[in-house]
Amino acid sequence: VGWGKSVLFGALVAVAGCMHGIQSGRSAAAVGNAATAAVVTALVWIII
């Protein structure tokens, strides 16, 4: 059960990070906001 969760959680972390990176704006502030949003989104997806 824990092993299967680890695979799912890894996919969720990667998808959250890449999604916010591709949807980021074209400024330094937008890149920083994307990094923050990626962490928050990944944590929410993991807990849910």
PDB file of all heavy atoms in Angstrom:
ATOM      1  N   VAL A   1       0.836  -1.201   0.000  1.00  0.00           N
ATOM      2  CA  VAL A   1       0.000   0.000   0.000  1.00  0.00           C
ATOM      3  C   VAL A   1       0.869   1.248   0.000  1.00  0.00           C
ATOM      4  O   VAL A   1       0.663   2.189  -0.783  1.00  0.00           O
ATOM      5  CB  VAL A   1      -0.951  -0.011   1.216  1.00  0.00           C
ATOM      6  CG1 VAL A   1      -1.595   1.368   1.402  1.00  0.00           C
ATOM      7  CG2 VAL A   1      -2.038  -1.054   1.035  1.00  0.00           C
ATOM      8  N   GLY A   2       1.870   1.280   0.877  1.00  0.00           N
ATOM      9  CA  GLY A   2       2.770   2.428   0.912  1.00  0.00           C
ATOM     10  C   GLY A   2       3.585   2.558  -0.359  1.00  0.00           C
ATOM     11  O   GLY A   2       3.818   3.677  -0.843  1.00  0.00           O
ATOM     12  N   TRP A   3       3.998   1.452  -0.915  1.00  0.00           N
ATOM     13  CA  TRP A   3       4.783   1.472  -2.157  1.00  0.00           C
ATOM     14  C   TRP A   3       3.948   2.030  -3.312  1.00  0.00           C
ATOM     15  O   TRP A   3       4.420   2.834  -4.111  1.00  0.00           O
ATOM     16  CB  TRP A   3       5.267   0.069  -2.469  1.00  0.00           C
ATOM     17  CG  TRP A   3       6.182  -0.019  -3.644  1.00  0.00           C
ATOM     18  CD1 TRP A   3       7.522   0.181  -3.670  1.00  0.00           C
ATOM     19  CD2 TRP A   3       5.802  -0.338  -4.987  1.00  0.00           C
ATOM     20  NE1 TRP A   3       8.016   0.009  -4.935  1.00  0.00           N
ATOM     21  CE2 TRP A   3       6.981  -0.309  -5.774  1.00  0.00           C
ATOM     22  CE3 TRP A   3       4.592  -0.653  -5.604  1.00  0.00           C
ATOM     23  CZ2 TRP A   3       6.971  -0.571  -7.125  1.00  0.00           C
ATOM     24  CZ3 TRP A   3       4.580  -0.915  -6.953  1.00  0.00           C
ATOM     25  CH2 TRP A   3       5.765  -0.866  -7.706  1.00  0.00           C
ATOM     26  N   GLY A   4       2.691   1.590  -3.407  1.00  0.00           N
ATOM     27  CA  GLY A   4       1.819   2.119  -4.455  1.00  0.00           C
ATOM     28  C   GLY A   4       1.536   3.601  -4.280  1.00  0.00           C
ATOM     29  O   GLY A   4       1.487   4.362  -5.259  1.00  0.00           O
ATOM     30  N   LYS A   5       1.360   4.025  -3.025  1.00  0.00           N
ATOM     31  CA  LYS A   5       1.156   5.444  -2.777  1.00  0.00           C
ATOM     32  C   LYS A   5       2.369   6.262  -3.213  1.00  0.00           C
ATOM     33  O   LYS A   5       2.220   7.382  -3.724  1.00  0.00           O
ATOM     34  CB  LYS A   5       0.877   5.680  -1.295  1.00  0.00           C
ATOM     35  CG  LYS A   5      -0.497   5.239  -0.823  1.00  0.00           C
ATOM     36  CD  LYS A   5      -0.675   5.558   0.659  1.00  0.00           C
ATOM     37  CE  LYS A   5      -2.056   5.158   1.136  1.00  0.00           C
ATOM     38  NZ  LYS A   5      -2.247   5.454   2.579  1.00  0.00           N
ATOM     39  N   SER A   6       3.550   5.734  -2.992  1.00  0.00           N
ATOM     40  CA  SER A   6       4.756   6.480  -3.363  1.00  0.00           C
ATOM     41  C   SER A   6       4.813   6.733  -4.861  1.00  0.00           C
ATOM     42  O   SER A   6       5.210   7.813  -5.303  1.00  0.00           O
ATOM     43  CB  SER A   6       6.002   5.729  -2.896  1.00  0.00           C
ATOM     44  OG  SER A   6       6.161   4.506  -3.610  1.00  0.00           O
ATOM     45  N   VAL A   7       4.411   5.736  -5.663  1.00  0.00           N
ATOM     46  CA  VAL A   7       4.393   5.933  -7.125  1.00  0.00           C
ATOM     47  C   VAL A   7       3.386   7.014  -7.500  1.00  0.00           C
ATOM     48  O   VAL A   7       3.674   7.907  -8.307  1.00  0.00           O
ATOM     49  CB  VAL A   7       4.060   4.609  -7.839  1.00  0.00           C
ATOM     50  CG1 VAL A   7       3.989   4.824  -9.346  1.00  0.00           C
ATOM     51  CG2 VAL A   7       5.099   3.544  -7.507  1.00  0.00           C
ATOM     52  N   LEU A   8       2.199   6.962  -6.899  1.00  0.00           N
ATOM     53  CA  LEU A   8       1.168   7.965  -7.186  1.00  0.00           C
ATOM     54  C   LEU A   8       1.616   9.348  -6.748  1.00  0.00           C
ATOM     55  O   LEU A   8       1.462  10.321  -7.495  1.00  0.00           O
ATOM     56  CB  LEU A   8      -0.131   7.576  -6.481  1.00  0.00           C
ATOM     57  CG  LEU A   8      -1.276   8.597  -6.564  1.00  0.00           C
ATOM     58  CD1 LEU A   8      -1.709   8.802  -8.008  1.00  0.00           C
ATOM     59  CD2 LEU A   8      -2.455   8.159  -5.699  1.00  0.00           C
ATOM     60  N   PHE A   9       2.186   9.450  -5.565  1.00  0.00           N
ATOM     61  CA  PHE A   9       2.624  10.746  -5.070  1.00  0.00           C
ATOM     62  C   PHE A   9       3.739  11.325  -5.942  1.00  0.00           C
ATOM     63  O   PHE A   9       3.797  12.539  -6.171  1.00  0.00           O
ATOM     64  CB  PHE A   9       3.104  10.627  -3.618  1.00  0.00           C
ATOM     65  CG  PHE A   9       2.016  10.282  -2.645  1.00  0.00           C
ATOM     66  CD1 PHE A   9       2.335   9.798  -1.369  1.00  0.00           C
ATOM     67  CD2 PHE A   9       0.683  10.426  -2.973  1.00  0.00           C
ATOM     68  CE1 PHE A   9       1.345   9.483  -0.469  1.00  0.00           C
ATOM     69  CE2 PHE A   9      -0.326  10.098  -2.079  1.00  0.00           C
ATOM     70  CZ  PHE A   9       0.009   9.629  -0.820  1.00  0.00           C
ATOM     71  N   GLY A  10       4.634  10.469  -6.414  1.00  0.00           N
ATOM     72  CA  GLY A  10       5.685  10.953  -7.307  1.00  0.00           C
ATOM     73  C   GLY A  10       5.124  11.544  -8.584  1.00  0.00           C
ATOM     74  O   GLY A  10       5.575  12.597  -9.055  1.00  0.00           O
ATOM     75  N   ALA A  11       4.120  10.864  -9.159  1.00  0.00           N
ATOM     76  CA  ALA A  11       3.490  11.389 -10.370  1.00  0.00           C
ATOM     77  C   ALA A  11       2.794  12.711 -10.094  1.00  0.00           C
ATOM     78  O   ALA A  11       2.869  13.653 -10.904  1.00  0.00           O
ATOM     79  CB  ALA A  11       2.499  10.370 -10.924  1.00  0.00           C
ATOM     80  N   LEU A  12       2.121  12.836  -8.946  1.00  0.00           N
ATOM     81  CA  LEU A  12       1.415  14.072  -8.614  1.00  0.00           C
ATOM     82  C   LEU A  12       2.388  15.237  -8.429  1.00  0.00           C
ATOM     83  O   LEU A  12       2.124  16.349  -8.890  1.00  0.00           O
ATOM     84  CB  LEU A  12       0.593  13.871  -7.338  1.00  0.00           C
ATOM     85  CG  LEU A  12      -0.600  12.911  -7.438  1.00  0.00           C
ATOM     86  CD1 LEU A  12      -1.288  12.777  -6.089  1.00  0.00           C
ATOM     87  CD2 LEU A  12      -1.589  13.366  -8.499  1.00  0.00           C
ATOM     88  N   VAL A  13       3.506  14.993  -7.758  1.00  0.00           N
ATOM     89  CA  VAL A  13       4.497  16.052  -7.568  1.00  0.00           C
ATOM     90  C   VAL A  13       5.055  16.511  -8.907  1.00  0.00           C
ATOM     91  O   VAL A  13       5.198  17.722  -9.167  1.00  0.00           O
ATOM     92  CB  VAL A  13       5.632  15.568  -6.641  1.00  0.00           C
ATOM     93  CG1 VAL A  13       6.778  16.576  -6.613  1.00  0.00           C
ATOM     94  CG2 VAL A  13       5.097  15.353  -5.233  1.00  0.00           C
ATOM     95  N   ALA A  14       5.367  15.560  -9.783  1.00  0.00           N
ATOM     96  CA  ALA A  14       5.921  15.921 -11.091  1.00  0.00           C
ATOM     97  C   ALA A  14       4.906  16.689 -11.927  1.00  0.00           C
ATOM     98  O   ALA A  14       5.240  17.701 -12.568  1.00  0.00           O
ATOM     99  CB  ALA A  14       6.369  14.662 -11.830  1.00  0.00           C
ATOM    100  N   VAL A  15       3.654  16.238 -11.933  1.00  0.00           N
ATOM    101  CA  VAL A  15       2.626  16.914 -12.723  1.00  0.00           C
ATOM    102  C   VAL A  15       2.383  18.328 -12.198  1.00  0.00           C
ATOM    103  O   VAL A  15       2.269  19.284 -12.984  1.00  0.00           O
ATOM    104  CB  VAL A  15       1.320  16.094 -12.710  1.00  0.00           C
ATOM    105  CG1 VAL A  15       0.170  16.907 -13.292  1.00  0.00           C
ATOM    106  CG2 VAL A  15       1.500  14.811 -13.503  1.00  0.00           C
ATOM    107  N   ALA A  16       2.327  18.486 -10.877  1.00  0.00           N
ATOM    108  CA  ALA A  16       2.094  19.821 -10.302  1.00  0.00           C
ATOM    109  C   ALA A  16       3.232  20.771 -10.660  1.00  0.00           C
ATOM    110  O   ALA A  16       3.002  21.912 -11.070  1.00  0.00           O
ATOM    111  CB  ALA A  16       1.942  19.722  -8.790  1.00  0.00           C
ATOM    112  N   GLY A  17       4.475  20.314 -10.527  1.00  0.00           N
ATOM    113  CA  GLY A  17       5.610  21.179 -10.838  1.00  0.00           C
ATOM    114  C   GLY A  17       5.671  21.559 -12.305  1.00  0.00           C
ATOM    115  O   GLY A  17       5.860  22.733 -12.654  1.00  0.00           O
ATOM    116  N   CYS A  18       5.515  20.572 -13.179  1.00  0.00           N
ATOM    117  CA  CYS A  18       5.599  20.846 -14.620  1.00  0.00           C
ATOM    118  C   CYS A  18       4.418  21.684 -15.101  1.00  0.00           C
ATOM    119  O   CYS A  18       4.573  22.554 -15.958  1.00  0.00           O
ATOM    120  CB  CYS A  18       5.673  19.536 -15.389  1.00  0.00           C
ATOM    121  SG  CYS A  18       7.153  18.556 -15.042  1.00  0.00           S
ATOM    122  N   MET A  19       3.235  21.429 -14.560  1.00  0.00           N
ATOM    123  CA  MET A  19       2.052  22.178 -14.991  1.00  0.00           C
ATOM    124  C   MET A  19       2.201  23.656 -14.678  1.00  0.00           C
ATOM    125  O   MET A  19       1.980  24.513 -15.537  1.00  0.00           O
ATOM    126  CB  MET A  19       0.803  21.616 -14.303  1.00  0.00           C
ATOM    127  CG  MET A  19      -0.486  22.361 -14.651  1.00  0.00           C
ATOM    128  SD  MET A  19      -1.920  21.751 -13.742  1.00  0.00           S
ATOM    129  CE  MET A  19      -1.520  22.303 -12.084  1.00  0.00           C
ATOM    130  N   HIS A  20       2.592  23.984 -13.454  1.00  0.00           N
ATOM    131  CA  HIS A  20       2.737  25.396 -13.108  1.00  0.00           C
ATOM    132  C   HIS A  20       3.926  26.021 -13.818  1.00  0.00           C
ATOM    133  O   HIS A  20       3.924  27.238 -14.066  1.00  0.00           O
ATOM    134  CB  HIS A  20       2.880  25.549 -11.596  1.00  0.00           C
ATOM    135  CG  HIS A  20       1.603  25.346 -10.848  1.00  0.00           C
ATOM    136  ND1 HIS A  20       0.594  26.281 -10.832  1.00  0.00           N
ATOM    137  CD2 HIS A  20       1.156  24.305 -10.102  1.00  0.00           C
ATOM    138  CE1 HIS A  20      -0.408  25.838 -10.099  1.00  0.00           C
ATOM    139  NE2 HIS A  20      -0.100  24.647  -9.642  1.00  0.00           N
ATOM    140  N   GLY A  21       4.934  25.237 -14.148  1.00  0.00           N
ATOM    141  CA  GLY A  21       6.048  25.779 -14.913  1.00  0.00           C
ATOM    142  C   GLY A  21       5.634  26.165 -16.322  1.00  0.00           C
ATOM    143  O   GLY A  21       5.975  27.251 -16.814  1.00  0.00           O
ATOM    144  N   ILE A  22       4.889  25.296 -16.998  1.00  0.00           N
ATOM    145  CA  ILE A  22       4.453  25.583 -18.368  1.00  0.00           C
ATOM    146  C   ILE A  22       3.418  26.707 -18.387  1.00  0.00           C
ATOM    147  O   ILE A  22       3.388  27.531 -19.311  1.00  0.00           O
ATOM    148  CB  ILE A  22       3.893  24.307 -19.016  1.00  0.00           C
ATOM    149  CG1 ILE A  22       5.046  23.361 -19.334  1.00  0.00           C
ATOM    150  CG2 ILE A  22       3.097  24.618 -20.274  1.00  0.00           C
ATOM    151  CD1 ILE A  22       4.634  22.097 -20.053  1.00  0.00           C
ATOM    152  N   GLN A  23       2.583  26.784 -17.362  1.00  0.00           N
ATOM    153  CA  GLN A  23       1.567  27.834 -17.303  1.00  0.00           C
ATOM    154  C   GLN A  23       2.096  29.131 -16.716  1.00  0.00           C
ATOM    155  O   GLN A  23       1.336  30.083 -16.521  1.00  0.00           O
ATOM    156  CB  GLN A  23       0.376  27.350 -16.474  1.00  0.00           C
ATOM    157  CG  GLN A  23      -0.370  26.181 -17.094  1.00  0.00           C
ATOM    158  CD  GLN A  23      -1.484  25.662 -16.215  1.00  0.00           C
ATOM    159  OE1 GLN A  23      -1.673  26.129 -15.092  1.00  0.00           O
ATOM    160  NE2 GLN A  23      -2.237  24.690 -16.705  1.00  0.00           N
ATOM    161  N   SER A  24       3.385  29.208 -16.445  1.00  0.00           N
ATOM    162  CA  SER A  24       3.974  30.402 -15.835  1.00  0.00           C
ATOM    163  C   SER A  24       3.985  31.562 -16.818  1.00  0.00           C
ATOM    164  O   SER A  24       3.965  31.391 -18.045  1.00  0.00           O
ATOM    165  CB  SER A  24       5.404  30.099 -15.369  1.00  0.00           C
ATOM    166  OG  SER A  24       6.064  31.275 -14.960  1.00  0.00           O
ATOM    167  N   GLY A  25       4.024  32.763 -16.251  1.00  0.00           N
ATOM    168  CA  GLY A  25       4.174  33.957 -17.071  1.00  0.00           C
ATOM    169  C   GLY A  25       5.613  34.138 -17.521  1.00  0.00           C
ATOM    170  O   GLY A  25       6.473  33.272 -17.321  1.00  0.00           O
ATOM    171  N   ARG A  26       5.897  35.298 -18.103  1.00  0.00           N
ATOM    172  CA  ARG A  26       7.210  35.528 -18.700  1.00  0.00           C
ATOM    173  C   ARG A  26       8.011  36.576 -17.919  1.00  0.00           C
ATOM    174  O   ARG A  26       8.733  37.364 -18.508  1.00  0.00           O
ATOM    175  CB  ARG A  26       7.058  35.962 -20.159  1.00  0.00           C
ATOM    176  CG  ARG A  26       6.352  34.935 -21.026  1.00  0.00           C
ATOM    177  CD  ARG A  26       6.294  35.369 -22.484  1.00  0.00           C
ATOM    178  NE  ARG A  26       5.545  34.429 -23.289  1.00  0.00           N
ATOM    179  CZ  ARG A  26       6.047  33.350 -23.861  1.00  0.00           C
ATOM    180  NH1 ARG A  26       7.331  33.076 -23.707  1.00  0.00           N
ATOM    181  NH2 ARG A  26       5.296  32.549 -24.590  1.00  0.00           N
ATOM    182  N   SER A  27       7.878  36.565 -16.604  1.00  0.00           N
ATOM    183  CA  SER A  27       8.643  37.482 -15.774  1.00  0.00           C
ATOM    184  C   SER A  27       9.238  36.721 -14.607  1.00  0.00           C
ATOM    185  O   SER A  27       8.841  35.577 -14.311  1.00  0.00           O
ATOM    186  CB  SER A  27       7.752  38.625 -15.257  1.00  0.00           C
ATOM    187  OG  SER A  27       6.742  38.120 -14.405  1.00  0.00           O
ATOM    188  N   ALA A  28      10.198  37.355 -13.929  1.00  0.00           N
ATOM    189  CA  ALA A  28      10.832  36.707 -12.780  1.00  0.00           C
ATOM    190  C   ALA A  28       9.826  36.477 -11.658  1.00  0.00           C
ATOM    191  O   ALA A  28       9.854  35.439 -10.985  1.00  0.00           O
ATOM    192  CB  ALA A  28      11.997  37.567 -12.294  1.00  0.00           C
ATOM    193  N   ALA A  29       8.941  37.444 -11.442  1.00  0.00           N
ATOM    194  CA  ALA A  29       7.926  37.280 -10.404  1.00  0.00           C
ATOM    195  C   ALA A  29       6.985  36.127 -10.726  1.00  0.00           C
ATOM    196  O   ALA A  29       6.577  35.367  -9.833  1.00  0.00           O
ATOM    197  CB  ALA A  29       7.130  38.578 -10.246  1.00  0.00           C
ATOM    198  N   ALA A  30       6.643  35.964 -12.003  1.00  0.00           N
ATOM    199  CA  ALA A  30       5.752  34.874 -12.397  1.00  0.00           C
ATOM    200  C   ALA A  30       6.411  33.520 -12.170  1.00  0.00           C
ATOM    201  O   ALA A  30       5.744  32.554 -11.769  1.00  0.00           O
ATOM    202  CB  ALA A  30       5.354  35.037 -13.861  1.00  0.00           C
ATOM    203  N   VAL A  31       7.710  33.424 -12.417  1.00  0.00           N
ATOM    204  CA  VAL A  31       8.423  32.170 -12.180  1.00  0.00           C
ATOM    205  C   VAL A  31       8.427  31.831 -10.689  1.00  0.00           C
ATOM    206  O   VAL A  31       8.217  30.677 -10.295  1.00  0.00           O
ATOM    207  CB  VAL A  31       9.858  32.258 -12.728  1.00  0.00           C
ATOM    208  CG1 VAL A  31      10.660  31.014 -12.365  1.00  0.00           C
ATOM    209  CG2 VAL A  31       9.839  32.430 -14.244  1.00  0.00           C
ATOM    210  N   GLY A  32       8.666  32.835  -9.842  1.00  0.00           N
ATOM    211  CA  GLY A  32       8.609  32.597  -8.406  1.00  0.00           C
ATOM    212  C   GLY A  32       7.231  32.166  -7.943  1.00  0.00           C
ATOM    213  O   GLY A  32       7.094  31.255  -7.108  1.00  0.00           O
ATOM    214  N   ASN A  33       6.195  32.817  -8.472  1.00  0.00           N
ATOM    215  CA  ASN A  33       4.827  32.426  -8.121  1.00  0.00           C
ATOM    216  C   ASN A  33       4.517  31.013  -8.589  1.00  0.00           C
ATOM    217  O   ASN A  33       3.792  30.268  -7.915  1.00  0.00           O
ATOM    218  CB  ASN A  33       3.832  33.409  -8.734  1.00  0.00           C
ATOM    219  CG  ASN A  33       3.936  34.796  -8.128  1.00  0.00           C
ATOM    220  OD1 ASN A  33       4.370  34.951  -6.991  1.00  0.00           O
ATOM    221  ND2 ASN A  33       3.546  35.807  -8.880  1.00  0.00           N
ATOM    222  N   ALA A  34       5.055  30.632  -9.743  1.00  0.00           N
ATOM    223  CA  ALA A  34       4.830  29.274 -10.248  1.00  0.00           C
ATOM    224  C   ALA A  34       5.467  28.241  -9.332  1.00  0.00           C
ATOM    225  O   ALA A  34       4.877  27.183  -9.064  1.00  0.00           O
ATOM    226  CB  ALA A  34       5.392  29.150 -11.666  1.00  0.00           C
ATOM    227  N   ALA A  35       6.664  28.520  -8.842  1.00  0.00           N
ATOM    228  CA  ALA A  35       7.327  27.585  -7.925  1.00  0.00           C
ATOM    229  C   ALA A  35       6.533  27.438  -6.629  1.00  0.00           C
ATOM    230  O   ALA A  35       6.356  26.324  -6.112  1.00  0.00           O
ATOM    231  CB  ALA A  35       8.749  28.065  -7.628  1.00  0.00           C
ATOM    232  N   THR A  36       6.044  28.555  -6.104  1.00  0.00           N
ATOM    233  CA  THR A  36       5.235  28.494  -4.885  1.00  0.00           C
ATOM    234  C   THR A  36       3.938  27.736  -5.115  1.00  0.00           C
ATOM    235  O   THR A  36       3.536  26.886  -4.300  1.00  0.00           O
ATOM    236  CB  THR A  36       4.930  29.916  -4.390  1.00  0.00           C
ATOM    237  OG1 THR A  36       6.156  30.619  -4.182  1.00  0.00           O
ATOM    238  CG2 THR A  36       4.134  29.886  -3.107  1.00  0.00           C
ATOM    239  N   ALA A  37       3.271  28.032  -6.225  1.00  0.00           N
ATOM    240  CA  ALA A  37       2.008  27.358  -6.528  1.00  0.00           C
ATOM    241  C   ALA A  37       2.215  25.865  -6.747  1.00  0.00           C
ATOM    242  O   ALA A  37       1.353  25.055  -6.401  1.00  0.00           O
ATOM    243  CB  ALA A  37       1.372  27.992  -7.770  1.00  0.00           C
ATOM    244  N   ALA A  38       3.359  25.485  -7.311  1.00  0.00           N
ATOM    245  CA  ALA A  38       3.634  24.064  -7.533  1.00  0.00           C
ATOM    246  C   ALA A  38       3.722  23.306  -6.218  1.00  0.00           C
ATOM    247  O   ALA A  38       3.189  22.197  -6.075  1.00  0.00           O
ATOM    248  CB  ALA A  38       4.932  23.906  -8.322  1.00  0.00           C
ATOM    249  N   VAL A  39       4.384  23.892  -5.228  1.00  0.00           N
ATOM    250  CA  VAL A  39       4.501  23.241  -3.923  1.00  0.00           C
ATOM    251  C   VAL A  39       3.136  23.121  -3.261  1.00  0.00           C
ATOM    252  O   VAL A  39       2.762  22.050  -2.746  1.00  0.00           O
ATOM    253  CB  VAL A  39       5.480  24.024  -3.030  1.00  0.00           C
ATOM    254  CG1 VAL A  39       5.539  23.401  -1.639  1.00  0.00           C
ATOM    255  CG2 VAL A  39       6.867  24.047  -3.646  1.00  0.00           C
ATOM    256  N   VAL A  40       2.381  24.204  -3.269  1.00  0.00           N
ATOM    257  CA  VAL A  40       1.058  24.185  -2.623  1.00  0.00           C
ATOM    258  C   VAL A  40       0.143  23.169  -3.309  1.00  0.00           C
ATOM    259  O   VAL A  40      -0.547  22.376  -2.646  1.00  0.00           O
ATOM    260  CB  VAL A  40       0.437  25.591  -2.656  1.00  0.00           C
ATOM    261  CG1 VAL A  40      -0.988  25.564  -2.114  1.00  0.00           C
ATOM    262  CG2 VAL A  40       1.286  26.562  -1.849  1.00  0.00           C
ATOM    263  N   THR A  41       0.123  23.176  -4.633  1.00  0.00           N
ATOM    264  CA  THR A  41      -0.739  22.246  -5.364  1.00  0.00           C
ATOM    265  C   THR A  41      -0.348  20.806  -5.099  1.00  0.00           C
ATOM    266  O   THR A  41      -1.210  19.937  -4.888  1.00  0.00           O
ATOM    267  CB  THR A  41      -0.657  22.542  -6.870  1.00  0.00           C
ATOM    268  OG1 THR A  41      -1.056  23.893  -7.114  1.00  0.00           O
ATOM    269  CG2 THR A  41      -1.561  21.609  -7.655  1.00  0.00           C
ATOM    270  N   ALA A  42       0.941  20.516  -5.102  1.00  0.00           N
ATOM    271  CA  ALA A  42       1.402  19.149  -4.848  1.00  0.00           C
ATOM    272  C   ALA A  42       1.003  18.688  -3.452  1.00  0.00           C
ATOM    273  O   ALA A  42       0.537  17.548  -3.264  1.00  0.00           O
ATOM    274  CB  ALA A  42       2.918  19.067  -5.024  1.00  0.00           C
ATOM    275  N   LEU A  43       1.157  19.547  -2.452  1.00  0.00           N
ATOM    276  CA  LEU A  43       0.785  19.168  -1.090  1.00  0.00           C
ATOM    277  C   LEU A  43      -0.712  18.904  -0.973  1.00  0.00           C
ATOM    278  O   LEU A  43      -1.133  17.937  -0.319  1.00  0.00           O
ATOM    279  CB  LEU A  43       1.207  20.269  -0.116  1.00  0.00           C
ATOM    280  CG  LEU A  43       2.713  20.496   0.043  1.00  0.00           C
ATOM    281  CD1 LEU A  43       2.974  21.627   1.029  1.00  0.00           C
ATOM    282  CD2 LEU A  43       3.416  19.231   0.495  1.00  0.00           C
ATOM    283  N   VAL A  44      -1.511  19.745  -1.597  1.00  0.00           N
ATOM    284  CA  VAL A  44      -2.967  19.541  -1.549  1.00  0.00           C
ATOM    285  C   VAL A  44      -3.342  18.234  -2.233  1.00  0.00           C
ATOM    286  O   VAL A  44      -4.145  17.435  -1.706  1.00  0.00           O
ATOM    287  CB  VAL A  44      -3.691  20.733  -2.205  1.00  0.00           C
ATOM    288  CG1 VAL A  44      -5.181  20.443  -2.343  1.00  0.00           C
ATOM    289  CG2 VAL A  44      -3.483  21.993  -1.382  1.00  0.00           C
ATOM    290  N   TRP A  45      -2.779  17.979  -3.410  1.00  0.00           N
ATOM    291  CA  TRP A  45      -3.075  16.734  -4.115  1.00  0.00           C
ATOM    292  C   TRP A  45      -2.639  15.516  -3.312  1.00  0.00           C
ATOM    293  O   TRP A  45      -3.328  14.492  -3.293  1.00  0.00           O
ATOM    294  CB  TRP A  45      -2.377  16.740  -5.479  1.00  0.00           C
ATOM    295  CG  TRP A  45      -3.030  17.651  -6.468  1.00  0.00           C
ATOM    296  CD1 TRP A  45      -4.157  18.395  -6.298  1.00  0.00           C
ATOM    297  CD2 TRP A  45      -2.589  17.914  -7.804  1.00  0.00           C
ATOM    298  NE1 TRP A  45      -4.446  19.113  -7.437  1.00  0.00           N
ATOM    299  CE2 TRP A  45      -3.512  18.838  -8.387  1.00  0.00           C
ATOM    300  CE3 TRP A  45      -1.514  17.483  -8.568  1.00  0.00           C
ATOM    301  CZ2 TRP A  45      -3.369  19.308  -9.669  1.00  0.00           C
ATOM    302  CZ3 TRP A  45      -1.369  17.950  -9.868  1.00  0.00           C
ATOM    303  CH2 TRP A  45      -2.288  18.854 -10.416  1.00  0.00           C
ATOM    304  N   ILE A  46      -1.491  15.591  -2.656  1.00  0.00           N
ATOM    305  CA  ILE A  46      -0.994  14.454  -1.869  1.00  0.00           C
ATOM    306  C   ILE A  46      -1.952  14.140  -0.724  1.00  0.00           C
ATOM    307  O   ILE A  46      -2.332  12.970  -0.508  1.00  0.00           O
ATOM    308  CB  ILE A  46       0.422  14.754  -1.344  1.00  0.00           C
ATOM    309  CG1 ILE A  46       1.429  14.734  -2.494  1.00  0.00           C
ATOM    310  CG2 ILE A  46       0.833  13.747  -0.278  1.00  0.00           C
ATOM    311  CD1 ILE A  46       2.790  15.267  -2.111  1.00  0.00           C
ATOM    312  N   ILE A  47      -2.369  15.157   0.012  1.00  0.00           N
ATOM    313  CA  ILE A  47      -3.247  14.916   1.162  1.00  0.00           C
ATOM    314  C   ILE A  47      -4.615  14.419   0.712  1.00  0.00           C
ATOM    315  O   ILE A  47      -5.183  13.485   1.308  1.00  0.00           O
ATOM    316  CB  ILE A  47      -3.381  16.207   1.995  1.00  0.00           C
ATOM    317  CG1 ILE A  47      -2.008  16.655   2.510  1.00  0.00           C
ATOM    318  CG2 ILE A  47      -4.331  15.994   3.152  1.00  0.00           C
ATOM    319  CD1 ILE A  47      -1.294  15.616   3.345  1.00  0.00           C
ATOM    320  N   ILE A  48      -5.150  15.038  -0.345  1.00  0.00           N
ATOM    321  CA  ILE A  48      -6.470  14.602  -0.825  1.00  0.00           C
ATOM    322  C   ILE A  48      -6.424  13.161  -1.326  1.00  0.00           C
ATOM    323  O   ILE A  48      -7.292  12.334  -1.002  1.00  0.00           O
ATOM    324  CB  ILE A  48      -6.970  15.554  -1.924  1.00  0.00           C
ATOM    325  CG1 ILE A  48      -7.279  16.930  -1.332  1.00  0.00           C
ATOM    326  CG2 ILE A  48      -8.214  14.986  -2.605  1.00  0.00           C
ATOM    327  CD1 ILE A  48      -7.712  17.953  -2.351  1.00  0.00           C
TER     328      ILE A  48
END
